[in-house]
Amino acid sequence: MRINSAVVVAIMFQLLGPMIAGAADAPNGFRDLTWGASPGKQLNKEPTPYGADITMYRPRPGKPLSPLFKVPVAEEVYSFSKGKFFSASVWLDGKESFEKIKSTLIETYGQPSVTDERRNLRIWKWPDSPVEIRLSYNDKYSRATVTYVNTRPDAPK
């Protein structure tokens, strides 16, 4: 029996269409920083071992960190390459926070593109976008890390 290619394409759209249509667009930055932005006055430069091209910043002390999707944030850091914003990481304490942020990221961005249960890792990727969201959990420290990254910071937005 020979299957018509149009039938195969129609079936694929029927199965994959809802998943593609429901997925949100890739983030254009993190919080109030868009990809490629310069560090603002709300951030303090951190000493980094990476050399002159990559600098890290933390929010200025004295103001509590904003939750990420209503999940409390323990720490937050922003990374810049040659003065341009390309990545942000937040750390969340506890397995419960990991489960909450995982559920929220799935609700917001759809199922992850990569899931590695052995390493407690999930990665969301978008076609035609250098942006990724990475979620991991460290059992030893009972801490989740969420990283928003533009893997090509010099690429056009």
Protein backbone atom coordinates (compact mmCIF):
# COMPACT_ATOMS: atom_id res chain seq x y z
CA MET A 1 0.00 0.00 0.00
CA ARG A 2 1.38 3.37 -1.02
CA ILE A 3 0.64 6.45 1.08
CA ASN A 4 0.19 9.76 -0.70
CA SER A 5 2.67 12.42 0.52
CA ALA A 6 -0.17 14.95 0.86
CA VAL A 7 -1.89 12.63 3.31
CA VAL A 8 1.31 12.32 5.36
CA VAL A 9 1.73 16.12 5.46
CA ALA A 10 -1.91 16.60 6.47
CA ILE A 11 -1.54 14.09 9.30
CA MET A 12 1.66 15.77 10.51
CA PHE A 13 -0.04 19.19 10.61
CA GLN A 14 -2.97 17.70 12.46
CA LEU A 15 -0.71 16.12 15.08
CA LEU A 16 1.94 18.82 15.40
CA GLY A 17 -0.13 21.90 14.64
CA PRO A 18 -1.60 22.35 18.13
CA MET A 19 1.84 21.99 19.74
CA ILE A 20 3.40 24.56 17.41
CA ALA A 21 0.46 26.97 17.61
CA GLY A 22 0.39 26.84 21.42
CA ALA A 23 4.07 27.53 21.92
CA ALA A 24 5.08 31.07 22.80
CA ASP A 25 7.69 32.99 20.89
CA ALA A 26 11.27 32.99 22.12
CA PRO A 27 11.90 35.60 24.81
CA ASN A 28 13.49 38.82 23.54
CA GLY A 29 15.53 39.15 26.72
CA PHE A 30 15.12 38.68 30.45
CA ARG A 31 13.19 40.91 32.82
CA ASP A 32 13.81 44.50 31.63
CA LEU A 33 16.93 43.73 29.55
CA THR A 34 16.65 42.91 25.87
CA TRP A 35 19.31 40.92 24.06
CA GLY A 36 22.26 43.15 23.17
CA ALA A 37 21.44 45.84 25.76
CA SER A 38 24.13 47.48 27.89
CA PRO A 39 24.17 46.95 31.66
CA GLY A 40 22.03 49.47 33.49
CA LYS A 41 22.61 51.30 36.75
CA GLN A 42 20.45 48.72 38.55
CA LEU A 43 23.33 46.21 38.23
CA ASN A 44 26.69 45.86 40.00
CA LYS A 45 29.67 44.48 38.10
CA GLU A 46 31.12 41.27 39.54
CA PRO A 47 34.72 40.16 39.32
CA THR A 48 34.87 37.37 36.73
CA PRO A 49 37.53 34.86 35.73
CA TYR A 50 36.39 34.86 32.09
CA GLY A 51 38.56 37.64 30.75
CA ALA A 52 37.76 41.00 29.25
CA ASP A 53 35.08 39.85 26.81
CA ILE A 54 32.58 38.48 29.35
CA THR A 55 31.43 40.42 32.39
CA MET A 56 28.89 39.42 35.01
CA TYR A 57 26.55 41.64 36.95
CA ARG A 58 24.22 41.17 39.90
CA PRO A 59 21.29 43.34 40.95
CA ARG A 60 22.28 46.06 43.39
CA PRO A 61 21.88 45.03 47.02
CA GLY A 62 19.09 46.37 49.18
CA LYS A 63 16.16 45.48 46.98
CA PRO A 64 14.62 41.99 47.13
CA LEU A 65 14.81 39.94 43.94
CA SER A 66 11.61 39.70 41.96
CA PRO A 67 10.08 36.23 41.69
CA LEU A 68 10.32 34.40 38.38
CA PHE A 69 6.79 33.40 37.36
CA LYS A 70 5.74 33.79 41.04
CA VAL A 71 8.54 31.46 42.23
CA PRO A 72 10.93 33.08 44.76
CA VAL A 73 14.44 33.75 43.43
CA ALA A 74 17.45 33.17 45.71
CA GLU A 75 20.15 34.61 43.40
CA GLU A 76 20.34 36.27 40.01
CA VAL A 77 23.19 37.08 37.63
CA TYR A 78 23.41 38.73 34.21
CA SER A 79 26.16 38.10 31.64
CA PHE A 80 27.42 40.48 28.97
CA SER A 81 29.75 39.79 26.07
CA LYS A 82 31.68 42.86 24.91
CA GLY A 83 29.16 44.98 26.81
CA LYS A 84 26.08 43.33 25.26
CA PHE A 85 23.54 41.36 27.28
CA PHE A 86 23.41 37.68 26.27
CA SER A 87 22.44 35.62 29.33
CA ALA A 88 20.72 35.66 32.71
CA SER A 89 20.58 32.94 35.35
CA VAL A 90 18.42 32.66 38.43
CA TRP A 91 18.67 30.14 41.24
CA LEU A 92 15.65 28.79 43.06
CA ASP A 93 15.87 26.90 46.33
CA GLY A 94 14.14 23.55 46.87
CA LYS A 95 12.62 20.74 44.85
CA GLU A 96 9.17 22.33 45.15
CA SER A 97 10.45 25.49 43.43
CA PHE A 98 11.96 23.34 40.67
CA GLU A 99 8.66 21.56 40.10
CA LYS A 100 6.73 24.87 40.06
CA ILE A 101 9.07 26.57 37.59
CA LYS A 102 9.19 23.45 35.39
CA SER A 103 5.38 23.38 35.20
CA THR A 104 5.20 27.11 34.52
CA LEU A 105 7.84 26.99 31.79
CA ILE A 106 5.97 24.12 30.12
CA GLU A 107 2.68 26.07 30.35
CA THR A 108 4.37 29.17 28.94
CA TYR A 109 6.70 27.74 26.28
CA GLY A 110 5.38 24.22 25.64
CA GLN A 111 7.27 20.97 26.09
CA PRO A 112 11.07 21.32 26.20
CA SER A 113 13.06 20.48 23.08
CA VAL A 114 15.50 18.45 25.19
CA THR A 115 14.76 16.49 28.34
CA ASP A 116 17.47 14.58 30.18
CA GLU A 117 15.91 13.08 33.32
CA ARG A 118 19.21 11.57 34.44
CA ARG A 119 20.78 15.05 34.64
CA ASN A 120 17.54 16.86 35.66
CA LEU A 121 17.92 19.06 32.58
CA ARG A 122 15.39 20.60 30.22
CA ILE A 123 16.11 22.94 27.31
CA TRP A 124 13.61 24.98 25.33
CA LYS A 125 14.74 26.00 21.83
CA TRP A 126 12.97 27.84 19.04
CA PRO A 127 13.45 27.25 15.33
CA ASP A 128 15.19 30.17 13.64
CA SER A 129 16.18 31.69 17.00
CA PRO A 130 19.46 31.65 18.91
CA VAL A 131 17.53 31.88 22.20
CA GLU A 132 17.32 28.98 24.65
CA ILE A 133 15.94 28.52 28.14
CA ARG A 134 17.71 25.92 30.24
CA LEU A 135 16.33 24.47 33.46
CA SER A 136 18.37 22.18 35.68
CA TYR A 137 18.14 20.86 39.20
CA ASN A 138 20.96 19.87 41.55
CA ASP A 139 19.83 17.28 44.10
CA LYS A 140 22.94 17.72 46.25
CA TYR A 141 22.25 21.41 46.86
CA SER A 142 18.46 21.24 46.40
CA ARG A 143 18.70 24.10 43.91
CA ALA A 144 17.26 24.79 40.48
CA THR A 145 18.91 26.99 37.86
CA VAL A 146 17.00 28.72 35.08
CA THR A 147 19.17 30.27 32.37
CA TYR A 148 17.93 32.42 29.52
CA VAL A 149 20.63 32.64 26.86
CA ASN A 150 21.08 34.11 23.43
CA THR A 151 23.68 31.74 21.97
CA ARG A 152 24.58 34.27 19.26
CA PRO A 153 24.66 37.67 20.97
CA ASP A 154 26.04 39.40 17.86
CA ALA A 155 23.27 38.04 15.61
CA PRO A 156 20.53 40.44 14.52
CA LYS A 157 17.54 40.51 16.84
